Amino acid sequence: MLHWQFKQYNDLTVNEFHDIVALRIKVFVVEQNCPYQELDGKDKKSYHLICRDGDGDLAGTMRILPKGVSYDEVAFGRIVLNIEERGEHQGDQMMIEAMAFCKAEFGEVPIRLSGQKHLQSFYKKHDFKAVGKEYLEDDIPHLEMYYKPS
């Protein structure tokens, strides 16, 4: 059973922020062999979804960026699940939780994200549509994806 929580950057403890960054580096830098500038200043302006497993360990995280931080719209970024949580539909639950948070916090607003191309069908299940052309980000094919409330 996973537990979900949302916090603004200033409400994170030092240990929570450490765990968030450690998981992102574990997956994006080490697992995907992709050196990039992890700390970009946007965390300070974001809400953070914290997903903990039954033992209290960080299982997943993502940041929710208010309008104007990355795009003109609210945005999702640094979406990541620990490898042990993948394949169990935990990513689907993460998106459901994040979408519900956005609706409660910002209302029915469009949401944009930059997703790895191999995850296009995953995001499509959550009503995100690819917009624009495929592009390389840190040598990984990406698509800009857009959710428009109905």
Protein backbone atom coordinates (compact mmCIF):
# COMPACT_ATOMS: atom_id res chain seq x y z
CA MET A 1 0.00 0.00 0.00
CA LEU A 2 1.42 3.35 -1.02
CA HIS A 3 0.81 6.61 0.82
CA TRP A 4 0.55 9.91 -1.07
CA GLN A 5 1.37 13.39 0.16
CA PHE A 6 1.86 16.79 -1.48
CA LYS A 7 4.13 19.47 -0.10
CA GLN A 8 5.46 22.80 -1.25
CA TYR A 9 9.23 23.05 -1.30
CA ASN A 10 9.40 25.13 1.89
CA ASP A 11 7.38 22.49 3.74
CA LEU A 12 9.74 19.64 2.85
CA THR A 13 12.14 18.46 5.52
CA VAL A 14 15.82 18.24 4.67
CA ASN A 15 15.52 14.43 4.72
CA GLU A 16 12.50 14.48 2.38
CA PHE A 17 14.27 16.67 -0.15
CA HIS A 18 17.38 14.50 0.11
CA ASP A 19 15.30 11.36 -0.58
CA ILE A 20 13.55 13.02 -3.54
CA VAL A 21 16.82 14.09 -5.17
CA ALA A 22 18.47 10.74 -4.38
CA LEU A 23 15.64 8.82 -6.12
CA ARG A 24 15.73 11.10 -9.15
CA ILE A 25 19.50 10.69 -9.47
CA LYS A 26 19.21 6.91 -8.96
CA VAL A 27 16.75 6.59 -11.84
CA PHE A 28 17.52 9.41 -14.27
CA VAL A 29 21.30 9.65 -13.89
CA VAL A 30 22.44 6.16 -12.86
CA GLU A 31 19.76 3.74 -14.19
CA GLN A 32 19.23 5.67 -17.44
CA ASN A 33 22.93 6.57 -17.70
CA CYS A 34 22.07 10.20 -18.36
CA PRO A 35 24.22 12.87 -16.75
CA TYR A 36 22.28 16.12 -16.51
CA GLN A 37 21.89 19.11 -14.21
CA GLU A 38 19.49 17.67 -11.62
CA LEU A 39 19.07 20.76 -9.47
CA ASP A 40 17.68 23.47 -11.74
CA GLY A 41 16.06 25.85 -9.26
CA LYS A 42 12.51 24.80 -10.17
CA ASP A 43 12.09 22.59 -7.09
CA LYS A 44 11.91 25.74 -4.96
CA LYS A 45 8.85 26.91 -6.92
CA SER A 46 7.09 23.54 -7.07
CA TYR A 47 4.76 21.28 -5.19
CA HIS A 48 6.19 17.81 -4.63
CA LEU A 49 4.26 14.56 -4.65
CA ILE A 50 5.80 12.20 -2.12
CA CYS A 51 4.88 8.55 -2.47
CA ARG A 52 5.94 6.25 0.37
CA ASP A 53 5.68 2.48 0.63
CA GLY A 54 4.43 0.60 3.70
CA ASP A 55 7.88 0.84 5.32
CA GLY A 56 7.95 4.62 4.89
CA ASP A 57 10.59 4.55 2.14
CA LEU A 58 10.28 6.87 -0.83
CA ALA A 59 8.73 4.89 -3.69
CA GLY A 60 8.08 7.71 -6.14
CA THR A 61 7.92 11.42 -6.61
CA MET A 62 7.11 14.12 -9.09
CA ARG A 63 7.00 17.85 -9.06
CA ILE A 64 4.02 19.98 -9.99
CA LEU A 65 5.10 23.33 -11.34
CA PRO A 66 2.69 26.27 -11.20
CA LYS A 67 1.96 28.27 -14.34
CA GLY A 68 4.95 30.24 -15.55
CA VAL A 69 7.68 28.11 -13.98
CA SER A 70 8.33 25.83 -16.98
CA TYR A 71 5.40 26.58 -19.29
CA ASP A 72 2.48 28.95 -19.56
CA GLU A 73 0.42 26.09 -18.08
CA VAL A 74 0.74 24.05 -14.90
CA ALA A 75 3.33 21.34 -15.57
CA PHE A 76 4.38 17.94 -14.30
CA GLY A 77 8.06 17.13 -14.13
CA ARG A 78 10.66 14.74 -12.77
CA ILE A 79 8.06 11.95 -12.66
CA VAL A 80 9.77 8.90 -11.21
CA LEU A 81 9.02 5.60 -9.52
CA ASN A 82 11.55 3.36 -7.86
CA ILE A 83 12.16 0.25 -9.99
CA GLU A 84 10.51 -1.99 -7.38
CA GLU A 85 7.21 -0.12 -7.82
CA ARG A 86 7.00 -0.29 -11.60
CA GLY A 87 4.65 -2.69 -13.35
CA GLU A 88 2.12 -2.64 -10.52
CA HIS A 89 0.07 0.32 -11.85
CA GLN A 90 1.61 2.57 -9.21
CA GLY A 91 2.44 5.06 -11.97
CA ASP A 92 -1.23 5.18 -12.91
CA GLN A 93 -2.14 5.89 -9.30
CA MET A 94 0.54 8.59 -9.15
CA MET A 95 -1.00 10.34 -12.16
CA ILE A 96 -4.51 10.04 -10.69
CA GLU A 97 -3.31 11.56 -7.40
CA ALA A 98 -1.45 14.37 -9.20
CA MET A 99 -4.42 15.20 -11.44
CA ALA A 100 -6.74 15.33 -8.42
CA PHE A 101 -4.29 17.60 -6.58
CA CYS A 102 -4.08 19.95 -9.57
CA LYS A 103 -7.85 20.15 -9.84
CA ALA A 104 -8.16 20.97 -6.13
CA GLU A 105 -5.26 23.44 -6.11
CA PHE A 106 -5.62 25.16 -9.50
CA GLY A 107 -9.08 24.19 -10.81
CA GLU A 108 -9.74 22.62 -14.22
CA VAL A 109 -6.60 23.79 -15.98
CA PRO A 110 -4.48 22.49 -18.85
CA ILE A 111 -1.31 20.61 -17.85
CA ARG A 112 1.85 20.17 -19.86
CA LEU A 113 4.75 17.76 -19.46
CA SER A 114 7.86 16.66 -21.29
CA GLY A 115 7.74 12.87 -21.33
CA GLN A 116 10.10 10.20 -22.53
CA LYS A 117 8.76 8.91 -25.84
CA HIS A 118 8.59 5.29 -24.70
CA LEU A 119 6.04 6.41 -22.07
CA GLN A 120 3.71 8.08 -24.58
CA SER A 121 1.01 5.39 -24.27
CA PHE A 122 1.20 5.63 -20.46
CA TYR A 123 0.52 9.37 -20.53
CA LYS A 124 -2.12 8.91 -23.22
CA LYS A 125 -4.10 6.71 -20.78
CA HIS A 126 -4.33 9.81 -18.59
CA ASP A 127 -5.64 11.98 -21.45
CA PHE A 128 -2.32 13.62 -22.37
CA LYS A 129 -1.81 14.11 -26.10
CA ALA A 130 1.51 14.55 -27.87
CA VAL A 131 2.00 18.02 -29.29
CA GLY A 132 4.84 19.03 -31.55
CA LYS A 133 7.69 16.91 -32.79
CA GLU A 134 9.83 14.37 -31.01
CA TYR A 135 13.05 15.86 -29.67
CA LEU A 136 16.14 14.72 -27.81
CA GLU A 137 16.62 15.78 -24.23
CA ASP A 138 19.85 14.48 -22.73
CA ASP A 139 20.06 12.02 -25.65
CA ILE A 140 16.67 10.47 -24.78
CA PRO A 141 13.72 10.87 -27.21
CA HIS A 142 11.00 13.03 -25.62
CA LEU A 143 7.59 14.40 -26.56
CA GLU A 144 5.82 17.40 -25.20
CA MET A 145 2.44 16.20 -23.92
CA TYR A 146 -0.63 18.26 -23.17
CA TYR A 147 -3.77 17.65 -21.09
CA LYS A 148 -6.79 19.79 -21.82
CA PRO A 149 -9.72 19.50 -19.42
CA SER A 150 -13.02 18.68 -21.10
